[in-house]
Every structure is written in C-alpha cells, then in structure tokens.
Amino acid sequence: AWVLMQIWNVINVHGGETAWWAHIGGLA
C-alpha cells in the first residue's frame, strides 16, 4: 500500500514539500 501511494502521488500530486520522485528512484 505504501508503494502504491508513492506511485499515485507521483502521478497526481504536483508541487508540495515531499519529493515523490526521490521515493520512486529509491524503490526502483
């Protein structure tokens, strides 16, 4: 669920304080 939440945020959230792409890079 945590992984899916990171992917959802990369697709749908723009801006904000969290660097979602950093999470995706680490996951991959």
mmCIF file of all heavy atoms, coordinates in Angstrom:
data_MODEL
# 
_entry.id   MODEL 
# 
loop_
_atom_site.group_PDB 
_atom_site.id 
_atom_site.type_symbol 
_atom_site.label_atom_id 
_atom_site.label_alt_id 
_atom_site.label_comp_id 
_atom_site.label_asym_id 
_atom_site.label_entity_id 
_atom_site.label_seq_id 
_atom_site.pdbx_PDB_ins_code 
_atom_site.Cartn_x 
_atom_site.Cartn_y 
_atom_site.Cartn_z 
_atom_site.occupancy 
_atom_site.B_iso_or_equiv 
_atom_site.pdbx_formal_charge 
_atom_site.auth_seq_id 
_atom_site.auth_comp_id 
_atom_site.auth_asym_id 
_atom_site.auth_atom_id 
_atom_site.pdbx_PDB_model_num 
ATOM 1   N N   . ALA A 1 1  ? 0.829  -1.205 0.000   1.00 0.00 ? 1  ALA A N   1 
ATOM 2   C CA  . ALA A 1 1  ? 0.000  0.000  0.000   1.00 0.00 ? 1  ALA A CA  1 
ATOM 3   C C   . ALA A 1 1  ? 0.864  1.255  0.000   1.00 0.00 ? 1  ALA A C   1 
ATOM 4   O O   . ALA A 1 1  ? 0.558  2.242  -0.677  1.00 0.00 ? 1  ALA A O   1 
ATOM 5   C CB  . ALA A 1 1  ? -0.929 -0.009 1.211   1.00 0.00 ? 1  ALA A CB  1 
ATOM 6   N N   . TRP A 1 2  ? 1.977  1.202  0.741   1.00 0.00 ? 2  TRP A N   1 
ATOM 7   C CA  . TRP A 1 2  ? 2.886  2.361  0.777   1.00 0.00 ? 2  TRP A CA  1 
ATOM 8   C C   . TRP A 1 2  ? 3.486  2.609  -0.606  1.00 0.00 ? 2  TRP A C   1 
ATOM 9   O O   . TRP A 1 2  ? 3.566  3.754  -1.049  1.00 0.00 ? 2  TRP A O   1 
ATOM 10  C CB  . TRP A 1 2  ? 3.985  2.110  1.804   1.00 0.00 ? 2  TRP A CB  1 
ATOM 11  C CG  . TRP A 1 2  ? 4.871  3.289  2.044   1.00 0.00 ? 2  TRP A CG  1 
ATOM 12  C CD1 . TRP A 1 2  ? 4.672  4.286  2.940   1.00 0.00 ? 2  TRP A CD1 1 
ATOM 13  C CD2 . TRP A 1 2  ? 6.104  3.591  1.373   1.00 0.00 ? 2  TRP A CD2 1 
ATOM 14  N NE1 . TRP A 1 2  ? 5.700  5.201  2.873   1.00 0.00 ? 2  TRP A NE1 1 
ATOM 15  C CE2 . TRP A 1 2  ? 6.591  4.799  1.927   1.00 0.00 ? 2  TRP A CE2 1 
ATOM 16  C CE3 . TRP A 1 2  ? 6.841  2.966  0.373   1.00 0.00 ? 2  TRP A CE3 1 
ATOM 17  C CZ2 . TRP A 1 2  ? 7.787  5.385  1.503   1.00 0.00 ? 2  TRP A CZ2 1 
ATOM 18  C CZ3 . TRP A 1 2  ? 8.034  3.547  -0.051  1.00 0.00 ? 2  TRP A CZ3 1 
ATOM 19  C CH2 . TRP A 1 2  ? 8.487  4.744  0.504   1.00 0.00 ? 2  TRP A CH2 1 
ATOM 20  N N   . VAL A 1 3  ? 3.889  1.554  -1.287  1.00 0.00 ? 3  VAL A N   1 
ATOM 21  C CA  . VAL A 1 3  ? 4.470  1.702  -2.627  1.00 0.00 ? 3  VAL A CA  1 
ATOM 22  C C   . VAL A 1 3  ? 3.445  2.280  -3.593  1.00 0.00 ? 3  VAL A C   1 
ATOM 23  O O   . VAL A 1 3  ? 3.743  3.208  -4.366  1.00 0.00 ? 3  VAL A O   1 
ATOM 24  C CB  . VAL A 1 3  ? 4.986  0.342  -3.147  1.00 0.00 ? 3  VAL A CB  1 
ATOM 25  C CG1 . VAL A 1 3  ? 5.354  0.436  -4.627  1.00 0.00 ? 3  VAL A CG1 1 
ATOM 26  C CG2 . VAL A 1 3  ? 6.195  -0.111 -2.334  1.00 0.00 ? 3  VAL A CG2 1 
ATOM 27  N N   . LEU A 1 4  ? 2.220  1.766  -3.559  1.00 0.00 ? 4  LEU A N   1 
ATOM 28  C CA  . LEU A 1 4  ? 1.177  2.269  -4.446  1.00 0.00 ? 4  LEU A CA  1 
ATOM 29  C C   . LEU A 1 4  ? 0.880  3.742  -4.162  1.00 0.00 ? 4  LEU A C   1 
ATOM 30  O O   . LEU A 1 4  ? 0.601  4.520  -5.087  1.00 0.00 ? 4  LEU A O   1 
ATOM 31  C CB  . LEU A 1 4  ? -0.095 1.436  -4.290  1.00 0.00 ? 4  LEU A CB  1 
ATOM 32  C CG  . LEU A 1 4  ? -0.019 0.002  -4.818  1.00 0.00 ? 4  LEU A CG  1 
ATOM 33  C CD1 . LEU A 1 4  ? -1.316 -0.745 -4.519  1.00 0.00 ? 4  LEU A CD1 1 
ATOM 34  C CD2 . LEU A 1 4  ? 0.263  -0.009 -6.320  1.00 0.00 ? 4  LEU A CD2 1 
ATOM 35  N N   . MET A 1 5  ? 0.968  4.130  -2.893  1.00 0.00 ? 5  MET A N   1 
ATOM 36  C CA  . MET A 1 5  ? 0.732  5.522  -2.534  1.00 0.00 ? 5  MET A CA  1 
ATOM 37  C C   . MET A 1 5  ? 1.802  6.435  -3.127  1.00 0.00 ? 5  MET A C   1 
ATOM 38  O O   . MET A 1 5  ? 1.507  7.548  -3.575  1.00 0.00 ? 5  MET A O   1 
ATOM 39  C CB  . MET A 1 5  ? 0.706  5.680  -1.012  1.00 0.00 ? 5  MET A CB  1 
ATOM 40  C CG  . MET A 1 5  ? 0.343  7.084  -0.532  1.00 0.00 ? 5  MET A CG  1 
ATOM 41  S SD  . MET A 1 5  ? 0.034  7.110  1.246   1.00 0.00 ? 5  MET A SD  1 
ATOM 42  C CE  . MET A 1 5  ? 1.627  6.559  1.887   1.00 0.00 ? 5  MET A CE  1 
ATOM 43  N N   . GLN A 1 6  ? 3.055  5.955  -3.170  1.00 0.00 ? 6  GLN A N   1 
ATOM 44  C CA  . GLN A 1 6  ? 4.127  6.764  -3.763  1.00 0.00 ? 6  GLN A CA  1 
ATOM 45  C C   . GLN A 1 6  ? 3.883  6.951  -5.259  1.00 0.00 ? 6  GLN A C   1 
ATOM 46  O O   . GLN A 1 6  ? 4.048  8.047  -5.799  1.00 0.00 ? 6  GLN A O   1 
ATOM 47  C CB  . GLN A 1 6  ? 5.493  6.114  -3.550  1.00 0.00 ? 6  GLN A CB  1 
ATOM 48  C CG  . GLN A 1 6  ? 5.798  5.673  -2.133  1.00 0.00 ? 6  GLN A CG  1 
ATOM 49  C CD  . GLN A 1 6  ? 5.450  6.710  -1.084  1.00 0.00 ? 6  GLN A CD  1 
ATOM 50  O OE1 . GLN A 1 6  ? 5.934  7.846  -1.107  1.00 0.00 ? 6  GLN A OE1 1 
ATOM 51  N NE2 . GLN A 1 6  ? 4.604  6.323  -0.137  1.00 0.00 ? 6  GLN A NE2 1 
ATOM 52  N N   . ILE A 1 7  ? 3.477  5.878  -5.929  1.00 0.00 ? 7  ILE A N   1 
ATOM 53  C CA  . ILE A 1 7  ? 3.214  5.956  -7.370  1.00 0.00 ? 7  ILE A CA  1 
ATOM 54  C C   . ILE A 1 7  ? 2.040  6.892  -7.644  1.00 0.00 ? 7  ILE A C   1 
ATOM 55  O O   . ILE A 1 7  ? 2.079  7.714  -8.573  1.00 0.00 ? 7  ILE A O   1 
ATOM 56  C CB  . ILE A 1 7  ? 2.939  4.548  -7.937  1.00 0.00 ? 7  ILE A CB  1 
ATOM 57  C CG1 . ILE A 1 7  ? 4.195  3.670  -7.777  1.00 0.00 ? 7  ILE A CG1 1 
ATOM 58  C CG2 . ILE A 1 7  ? 2.518  4.618  -9.398  1.00 0.00 ? 7  ILE A CG2 1 
ATOM 59  C CD1 . ILE A 1 7  ? 3.979  2.218  -8.127  1.00 0.00 ? 7  ILE A CD1 1 
ATOM 60  N N   . TRP A 1 8  ? 0.978  6.771  -6.845  1.00 0.00 ? 8  TRP A N   1 
ATOM 61  C CA  . TRP A 1 8  ? -0.194 7.640  -7.011  1.00 0.00 ? 8  TRP A CA  1 
ATOM 62  C C   . TRP A 1 8  ? 0.201  9.106  -6.835  1.00 0.00 ? 8  TRP A C   1 
ATOM 63  O O   . TRP A 1 8  ? -0.241 9.970  -7.595  1.00 0.00 ? 8  TRP A O   1 
ATOM 64  C CB  . TRP A 1 8  ? -1.267 7.255  -6.014  1.00 0.00 ? 8  TRP A CB  1 
ATOM 65  C CG  . TRP A 1 8  ? -2.562 7.992  -6.208  1.00 0.00 ? 8  TRP A CG  1 
ATOM 66  C CD1 . TRP A 1 8  ? -3.623 7.588  -6.964  1.00 0.00 ? 8  TRP A CD1 1 
ATOM 67  C CD2 . TRP A 1 8  ? -2.917 9.253  -5.645  1.00 0.00 ? 8  TRP A CD2 1 
ATOM 68  N NE1 . TRP A 1 8  ? -4.630 8.524  -6.910  1.00 0.00 ? 8  TRP A NE1 1 
ATOM 69  C CE2 . TRP A 1 8  ? -4.224 9.563  -6.115  1.00 0.00 ? 8  TRP A CE2 1 
ATOM 70  C CE3 . TRP A 1 8  ? -2.284 10.159 -4.801  1.00 0.00 ? 8  TRP A CE3 1 
ATOM 71  C CZ2 . TRP A 1 8  ? -4.890 10.729 -5.761  1.00 0.00 ? 8  TRP A CZ2 1 
ATOM 72  C CZ3 . TRP A 1 8  ? -2.937 11.328 -4.446  1.00 0.00 ? 8  TRP A CZ3 1 
ATOM 73  C CH2 . TRP A 1 8  ? -4.223 11.610 -4.916  1.00 0.00 ? 8  TRP A CH2 1 
ATOM 74  N N   . ASN A 1 9  ? 1.038  9.391  -5.849  1.00 0.00 ? 9  ASN A N   1 
ATOM 75  C CA  . ASN A 1 9  ? 1.442  10.774 -5.594  1.00 0.00 ? 9  ASN A CA  1 
ATOM 76  C C   . ASN A 1 9  ? 2.297  11.335 -6.726  1.00 0.00 ? 9  ASN A C   1 
ATOM 77  O O   . ASN A 1 9  ? 2.186  12.518 -7.063  1.00 0.00 ? 9  ASN A O   1 
ATOM 78  C CB  . ASN A 1 9  ? 2.201  10.866 -4.266  1.00 0.00 ? 9  ASN A CB  1 
ATOM 79  C CG  . ASN A 1 9  ? 1.274  10.817 -3.066  1.00 0.00 ? 9  ASN A CG  1 
ATOM 80  O OD1 . ASN A 1 9  ? 0.200  11.404 -3.079  1.00 0.00 ? 9  ASN A OD1 1 
ATOM 81  N ND2 . ASN A 1 9  ? 1.671  10.111 -2.026  1.00 0.00 ? 9  ASN A ND2 1 
ATOM 82  N N   . VAL A 1 10 ? 3.159  10.506 -7.314  1.00 0.00 ? 10 VAL A N   1 
ATOM 83  C CA  . VAL A 1 10 ? 3.965  10.966 -8.447  1.00 0.00 ? 10 VAL A CA  1 
ATOM 84  C C   . VAL A 1 10 ? 3.072  11.372 -9.615  1.00 0.00 ? 10 VAL A C   1 
ATOM 85  O O   . VAL A 1 10 ? 3.309  12.375 -10.297 1.00 0.00 ? 10 VAL A O   1 
ATOM 86  C CB  . VAL A 1 10 ? 4.961  9.873  -8.886  1.00 0.00 ? 10 VAL A CB  1 
ATOM 87  C CG1 . VAL A 1 10 ? 5.490  10.150 -10.277 1.00 0.00 ? 10 VAL A CG1 1 
ATOM 88  C CG2 . VAL A 1 10 ? 6.124  9.797  -7.908  1.00 0.00 ? 10 VAL A CG2 1 
ATOM 89  N N   . ILE A 1 11 ? 2.021  10.590 -9.827  1.00 0.00 ? 11 ILE A N   1 
ATOM 90  C CA  . ILE A 1 11 ? 1.130  10.841 -10.965 1.00 0.00 ? 11 ILE A CA  1 
ATOM 91  C C   . ILE A 1 11 ? 0.197  12.014 -10.717 1.00 0.00 ? 11 ILE A C   1 
ATOM 92  O O   . ILE A 1 11 ? -0.063 12.824 -11.614 1.00 0.00 ? 11 ILE A O   1 
ATOM 93  C CB  . ILE A 1 11 ? 0.307  9.575  -11.282 1.00 0.00 ? 11 ILE A CB  1 
ATOM 94  C CG1 . ILE A 1 11 ? 1.240  8.437  -11.721 1.00 0.00 ? 11 ILE A CG1 1 
ATOM 95  C CG2 . ILE A 1 11 ? -0.730 9.855  -12.375 1.00 0.00 ? 11 ILE A CG2 1 
ATOM 96  C CD1 . ILE A 1 11 ? 0.541  7.102  -11.855 1.00 0.00 ? 11 ILE A CD1 1 
ATOM 97  N N   . ASN A 1 12 ? -0.284 12.149 -9.485  1.00 0.00 ? 12 ASN A N   1 
ATOM 98  C CA  . ASN A 1 12 ? -1.368 13.080 -9.227  1.00 0.00 ? 12 ASN A CA  1 
ATOM 99  C C   . ASN A 1 12 ? -1.007 14.337 -8.441  1.00 0.00 ? 12 ASN A C   1 
ATOM 100 O O   . ASN A 1 12 ? -1.763 15.311 -8.482  1.00 0.00 ? 12 ASN A O   1 
ATOM 101 C CB  . ASN A 1 12 ? -2.493 12.357 -8.471  1.00 0.00 ? 12 ASN A CB  1 
ATOM 102 C CG  . ASN A 1 12 ? -3.144 11.284 -9.304  1.00 0.00 ? 12 ASN A CG  1 
ATOM 103 O OD1 . ASN A 1 12 ? -3.976 11.566 -10.157 1.00 0.00 ? 12 ASN A OD1 1 
ATOM 104 N ND2 . ASN A 1 12 ? -2.760 10.032 -9.067  1.00 0.00 ? 12 ASN A ND2 1 
ATOM 105 N N   . VAL A 1 13 ? 0.103  14.298 -7.712  1.00 0.00 ? 13 VAL A N   1 
ATOM 106 C CA  . VAL A 1 13 ? 0.446  15.451 -6.870  1.00 0.00 ? 13 VAL A CA  1 
ATOM 107 C C   . VAL A 1 13 ? 1.537  16.270 -7.538  1.00 0.00 ? 13 VAL A C   1 
ATOM 108 O O   . VAL A 1 13 ? 2.586  15.742 -7.917  1.00 0.00 ? 13 VAL A O   1 
ATOM 109 C CB  . VAL A 1 13 ? 0.914  14.990 -5.473  1.00 0.00 ? 13 VAL A CB  1 
ATOM 110 C CG1 . VAL A 1 13 ? 1.320  16.201 -4.639  1.00 0.00 ? 13 VAL A CG1 1 
ATOM 111 C CG2 . VAL A 1 13 ? -0.208 14.221 -4.781  1.00 0.00 ? 13 VAL A CG2 1 
ATOM 112 N N   . HIS A 1 14 ? 1.298  17.550 -7.685  1.00 0.00 ? 14 HIS A N   1 
ATOM 113 C CA  . HIS A 1 14 ? 2.276  18.446 -8.292  1.00 0.00 ? 14 HIS A CA  1 
ATOM 114 C C   . HIS A 1 14 ? 2.632  19.522 -7.280  1.00 0.00 ? 14 HIS A C   1 
ATOM 115 O O   . HIS A 1 14 ? 1.763  20.177 -6.716  1.00 0.00 ? 14 HIS A O   1 
ATOM 116 C CB  . HIS A 1 14 ? 1.714  19.075 -9.566  1.00 0.00 ? 14 HIS A CB  1 
ATOM 117 C CG  . HIS A 1 14 ? 1.264  18.065 -10.572 1.00 0.00 ? 14 HIS A CG  1 
ATOM 118 N ND1 . HIS A 1 14 ? 2.149  17.345 -11.345 1.00 0.00 ? 14 HIS A ND1 1 
ATOM 119 C CD2 . HIS A 1 14 ? 0.019  17.619 -10.895 1.00 0.00 ? 14 HIS A CD2 1 
ATOM 120 C CE1 . HIS A 1 14 ? 1.476  16.522 -12.127 1.00 0.00 ? 14 HIS A CE1 1 
ATOM 121 N NE2 . HIS A 1 14 ? 0.181  16.662 -11.872 1.00 0.00 ? 14 HIS A NE2 1 
ATOM 122 N N   . GLY A 1 15 ? 3.928  19.685 -7.060  1.00 0.00 ? 15 GLY A N   1 
ATOM 123 C CA  . GLY A 1 15 ? 4.361  20.650 -6.050  1.00 0.00 ? 15 GLY A CA  1 
ATOM 124 C C   . GLY A 1 15 ? 4.312  20.028 -4.662  1.00 0.00 ? 15 GLY A C   1 
ATOM 125 O O   . GLY A 1 15 ? 4.303  18.807 -4.490  1.00 0.00 ? 15 GLY A O   1 
ATOM 126 N N   . GLY A 1 16 ? 4.255  20.844 -3.646  1.00 0.00 ? 16 GLY A N   1 
ATOM 127 C CA  . GLY A 1 16 ? 4.253  20.353 -2.274  1.00 0.00 ? 16 GLY A CA  1 
ATOM 128 C C   . GLY A 1 16 ? 5.663  20.185 -1.748  1.00 0.00 ? 16 GLY A C   1 
ATOM 129 O O   . GLY A 1 16 ? 6.648  20.389 -2.447  1.00 0.00 ? 16 GLY A O   1 
ATOM 130 N N   . GLU A 1 17 ? 5.749  19.725 -0.487  1.00 0.00 ? 17 GLU A N   1 
ATOM 131 C CA  . GLU A 1 17 ? 7.046  19.640 0.186   1.00 0.00 ? 17 GLU A CA  1 
ATOM 132 C C   . GLU A 1 17 ? 7.705  18.269 0.039   1.00 0.00 ? 17 GLU A C   1 
ATOM 133 O O   . GLU A 1 17 ? 8.876  18.123 0.357   1.00 0.00 ? 17 GLU A O   1 
ATOM 134 C CB  . GLU A 1 17 ? 6.870  19.969 1.668   1.00 0.00 ? 17 GLU A CB  1 
ATOM 135 C CG  . GLU A 1 17 ? 6.406  21.405 1.935   1.00 0.00 ? 17 GLU A CG  1 
ATOM 136 C CD  . GLU A 1 17 ? 6.302  21.697 3.415   1.00 0.00 ? 17 GLU A CD  1 
ATOM 137 O OE1 . GLU A 1 17 ? 6.521  20.762 4.217   1.00 0.00 ? 17 GLU A OE1 1 
ATOM 138 O OE2 . GLU A 1 17 ? 6.014  22.850 3.769   1.00 0.00 ? 17 GLU A OE2 1 
ATOM 139 N N   . THR A 1 18 ? 6.975  17.266 -0.411  1.00 0.00 ? 18 THR A N   1 
ATOM 140 C CA  . THR A 1 18 ? 7.527  15.913 -0.496  1.00 0.00 ? 18 THR A CA  1 
ATOM 141 C C   . THR A 1 18 ? 8.054  15.629 -1.893  1.00 0.00 ? 18 THR A C   1 
ATOM 142 O O   . THR A 1 18 ? 7.362  15.854 -2.886  1.00 0.00 ? 18 THR A O   1 
ATOM 143 C CB  . THR A 1 18 ? 6.453  14.866 -0.140  1.00 0.00 ? 18 THR A CB  1 
ATOM 144 O OG1 . THR A 1 18 ? 5.937  15.158 1.168   1.00 0.00 ? 18 THR A OG1 1 
ATOM 145 C CG2 . THR A 1 18 ? 7.045  13.468 -0.160  1.00 0.00 ? 18 THR A CG2 1 
ATOM 146 N N   . ALA A 1 19 ? 9.292  15.144 -1.956  1.00 0.00 ? 19 ALA A N   1 
ATOM 147 C CA  . ALA A 1 19 ? 9.920  14.819 -3.243  1.00 0.00 ? 19 ALA A CA  1 
ATOM 148 C C   . ALA A 1 19 ? 9.562  13.386 -3.618  1.00 0.00 ? 19 ALA A C   1 
ATOM 149 O O   . ALA A 1 19 ? 10.325 12.445 -3.383  1.00 0.00 ? 19 ALA A O   1 
ATOM 150 C CB  . ALA A 1 19 ? 11.429 14.999 -3.141  1.00 0.00 ? 19 ALA A CB  1 
ATOM 151 N N   . TRP A 1 20 ? 8.394  13.202 -4.218  1.00 0.00 ? 20 TRP A N   1 
ATOM 152 C CA  . TRP A 1 20 ? 7.901  11.858 -4.511  1.00 0.00 ? 20 TRP A CA  1 
ATOM 153 C C   . TRP A 1 20 ? 8.801  11.113 -5.476  1.00 0.00 ? 20 TRP A C   1 
ATOM 154 O O   . TRP A 1 20 ? 8.939  9.887  -5.378  1.00 0.00 ? 20 TRP A O   1 
ATOM 155 C CB  . TRP A 1 20 ? 6.476  11.945 -5.062  1.00 0.00 ? 20 TRP A CB  1 
ATOM 156 C CG  . TRP A 1 20 ? 5.509  12.587 -4.122  1.00 0.00 ? 20 TRP A CG  1 
ATOM 157 C CD1 . TRP A 1 20 ? 4.889  13.803 -4.266  1.00 0.00 ? 20 TRP A CD1 1 
ATOM 158 C CD2 . TRP A 1 20 ? 5.053  12.081 -2.855  1.00 0.00 ? 20 TRP A CD2 1 
ATOM 159 N NE1 . TRP A 1 20 ? 4.088  14.087 -3.191  1.00 0.00 ? 20 TRP A NE1 1 
ATOM 160 C CE2 . TRP A 1 20 ? 4.171  13.039 -2.302  1.00 0.00 ? 20 TRP A CE2 1 
ATOM 161 C CE3 . TRP A 1 20 ? 5.308  10.907 -2.147  1.00 0.00 ? 20 TRP A CE3 1 
ATOM 162 C CZ2 . TRP A 1 20 ? 3.541  12.853 -1.079  1.00 0.00 ? 20 TRP A CZ2 1 
ATOM 163 C CZ3 . TRP A 1 20 ? 4.686  10.722 -0.919  1.00 0.00 ? 20 TRP A CZ3 1 
ATOM 164 C CH2 . TRP A 1 20 ? 3.813  11.681 -0.396  1.00 0.00 ? 20 TRP A CH2 1 
ATOM 165 N N   . TRP A 1 21 ? 9.425  11.823 -6.423  1.00 0.00 ? 21 TRP A N   1 
ATOM 166 C CA  . TRP A 1 21 ? 10.296 11.152 -7.376  1.00 0.00 ? 21 TRP A CA  1 
ATOM 167 C C   . TRP A 1 21 ? 11.507 10.528 -6.696  1.00 0.00 ? 21 TRP A C   1 
ATOM 168 O O   . TRP A 1 21 ? 12.042 9.521  -7.163  1.00 0.00 ? 21 TRP A O   1 
ATOM 169 C CB  . TRP A 1 21 ? 10.736 12.107 -8.483  1.00 0.00 ? 21 TRP A CB  1 
ATOM 170 C CG  . TRP A 1 21 ? 9.758  12.172 -9.605  1.00 0.00 ? 21 TRP A CG  1 
ATOM 171 C CD1 . TRP A 1 21 ? 8.923  13.199 -9.944  1.00 0.00 ? 21 TRP A CD1 1 
ATOM 172 C CD2 . TRP A 1 21 ? 9.483  11.126 -10.552 1.00 0.00 ? 21 TRP A CD2 1 
ATOM 173 N NE1 . TRP A 1 21 ? 8.149  12.878 -11.018 1.00 0.00 ? 21 TRP A NE1 1 
ATOM 174 C CE2 . TRP A 1 21 ? 8.464  11.608 -11.430 1.00 0.00 ? 21 TRP A CE2 1 
ATOM 175 C CE3 . TRP A 1 21 ? 9.982  9.844  -10.753 1.00 0.00 ? 21 TRP A CE3 1 
ATOM 176 C CZ2 . TRP A 1 21 ? 7.962  10.841 -12.472 1.00 0.00 ? 21 TRP A CZ2 1 
ATOM 177 C CZ3 . TRP A 1 21 ? 9.478  9.075  -11.791 1.00 0.00 ? 21 TRP A CZ3 1 
ATOM 178 C CH2 . TRP A 1 21 ? 8.485  9.572  -12.643 1.00 0.00 ? 21 TRP A CH2 1 
ATOM 179 N N   . ALA A 1 22 ? 11.956 11.113 -5.599  1.00 0.00 ? 22 ALA A N   1 
ATOM 180 C CA  . ALA A 1 22 ? 13.068 10.527 -4.846  1.00 0.00 ? 22 ALA A CA  1 
ATOM 181 C C   . ALA A 1 22 ? 12.666 9.159  -4.293  1.00 0.00 ? 22 ALA A C   1 
ATOM 182 O O   . ALA A 1 22 ? 13.468 8.214  -4.268  1.00 0.00 ? 22 ALA A O   1 
ATOM 183 C CB  . ALA A 1 22 ? 13.499 11.453 -3.722  1.00 0.00 ? 22 ALA A CB  1 
ATOM 184 N N   . HIS A 1 23 ? 11.413 9.038  -3.850  1.00 0.00 ? 23 HIS A N   1 
ATOM 185 C CA  . HIS A 1 23 ? 10.927 7.753  -3.358  1.00 0.00 ? 23 HIS A CA  1 
ATOM 186 C C   . HIS A 1 23 ? 10.916 6.717  -4.481  1.00 0.00 ? 23 HIS A C   1 
ATOM 187 O O   . HIS A 1 23 ? 11.304 5.559  -4.278  1.00 0.00 ? 23 HIS A O   1 
ATOM 188 C CB  . HIS A 1 23 ? 9.512  7.908  -2.794  1.00 0.00 ? 23 HIS A CB  1 
ATOM 189 C CG  . HIS A 1 23 ? 9.425  8.855  -1.643  1.00 0.00 ? 23 HIS A CG  1 
ATOM 190 N ND1 . HIS A 1 23 ? 8.250  9.083  -0.954  1.00 0.00 ? 23 HIS A ND1 1 
ATOM 191 C CD2 . HIS A 1 23 ? 10.355 9.651  -1.051  1.00 0.00 ? 23 HIS A CD2 1 
ATOM 192 C CE1 . HIS A 1 23 ? 8.454  9.963  0.007   1.00 0.00 ? 23 HIS A CE1 1 
ATOM 193 N NE2 . HIS A 1 23 ? 9.736  10.325 -0.041  1.00 0.00 ? 23 HIS A NE2 1 
ATOM 194 N N   . ILE A 1 24 ? 10.451 7.135  -5.662  1.00 0.00 ? 24 ILE A N   1 
ATOM 195 C CA  . ILE A 1 24 ? 10.384 6.209  -6.787  1.00 0.00 ? 24 ILE A CA  1 
ATOM 196 C C   . ILE A 1 24 ? 11.776 5.746  -7.204  1.00 0.00 ? 24 ILE A C   1 
ATOM 197 O O   . ILE A 1 24 ? 11.994 4.562  -7.497  1.00 0.00 ? 24 ILE A O   1 
ATOM 198 C CB  . ILE A 1 24 ? 9.664  6.870  -7.986  1.00 0.00 ? 24 ILE A CB  1 
ATOM 199 C CG1 . ILE A 1 24 ? 8.225  7.218  -7.608  1.00 0.00 ? 24 ILE A CG1 1 
ATOM 200 C CG2 . ILE A 1 24 ? 9.700  5.963  -9.206  1.00 0.00 ? 24 ILE A CG2 1 
ATOM 201 C CD1 . ILE A 1 24 ? 7.372  6.031  -7.203  1.00 0.00 ? 24 ILE A CD1 1 
ATOM 202 N N   . GLY A 1 25 ? 12.741 6.656  -7.231  1.00 0.00 ? 25 GLY A N   1 
ATOM 203 C CA  . GLY A 1 25 ? 14.110 6.290  -7.580  1.00 0.00 ? 25 GLY A CA  1 
ATOM 204 C C   . GLY A 1 25 ? 14.694 5.287  -6.613  1.00 0.00 ? 25 GLY A C   1 
ATOM 205 O O   . GLY A 1 25 ? 15.326 4.293  -7.019  1.00 0.00 ? 25 GLY A O   1 
ATOM 206 N N   . GLY A 1 26 ? 14.483 5.506  -5.309  1.00 0.00 ? 26 GLY A N   1 
ATOM 207 C CA  . GLY A 1 26 ? 14.972 4.561  -4.309  1.00 0.00 ? 26 GLY A CA  1 
ATOM 208 C C   . GLY A 1 26 ? 14.295 3.214  -4.403  1.00 0.00 ? 26 GLY A C   1 
ATOM 209 O O   . GLY A 1 26 ? 14.942 2.164  -4.296  1.00 0.00 ? 26 GLY A O   1 
ATOM 210 N N   . LEU A 1 27 ? 12.979 3.222  -4.604  1.00 0.00 ? 27 LEU A N   1 
ATOM 211 C CA  . LEU A 1 27 ? 12.236 1.966  -4.757  1.00 0.00 ? 27 LEU A CA  1 
ATOM 212 C C   . LEU A 1 27 ? 12.752 1.142  -5.927  1.00 0.00 ? 27 LEU A C   1 
ATOM 213 O O   . LEU A 1 27 ? 12.985 -0.066 -5.806  1.00 0.00 ? 27 LEU A O   1 
ATOM 214 C CB  . LEU A 1 27 ? 10.749 2.274  -4.968  1.00 0.00 ? 27 LEU A CB  1 
ATOM 215 C CG  . LEU A 1 27 ? 9.898  2.587  -3.741  1.00 0.00 ? 27 LEU A CG  1 
ATOM 216 C CD1 . LEU A 1 27 ? 8.545  3.153  -4.175  1.00 0.00 ? 27 LEU A CD1 1 
ATOM 217 C CD2 . LEU A 1 27 ? 9.703  1.337  -2.883  1.00 0.00 ? 27 LEU A CD2 1 
ATOM 218 N N   . ALA A 1 28 ? 12.924 1.803  -7.062  1.00 0.00 ? 28 ALA A N   1 
ATOM 219 C CA  . ALA A 1 28 ? 13.328 1.090  -8.276  1.00 0.00 ? 28 ALA A CA  1 
ATOM 220 C C   . ALA A 1 28 ? 14.697 0.445  -8.119  1.00 0.00 ? 28 ALA A C   1 
ATOM 221 O O   . ALA A 1 28 ? 14.885 -0.741 -8.439  1.00 0.00 ? 28 ALA A O   1 
ATOM 222 C CB  . ALA A 1 28 ? 13.324 2.053  -9.460  1.00 0.00 ? 28 ALA A CB  1 
# 
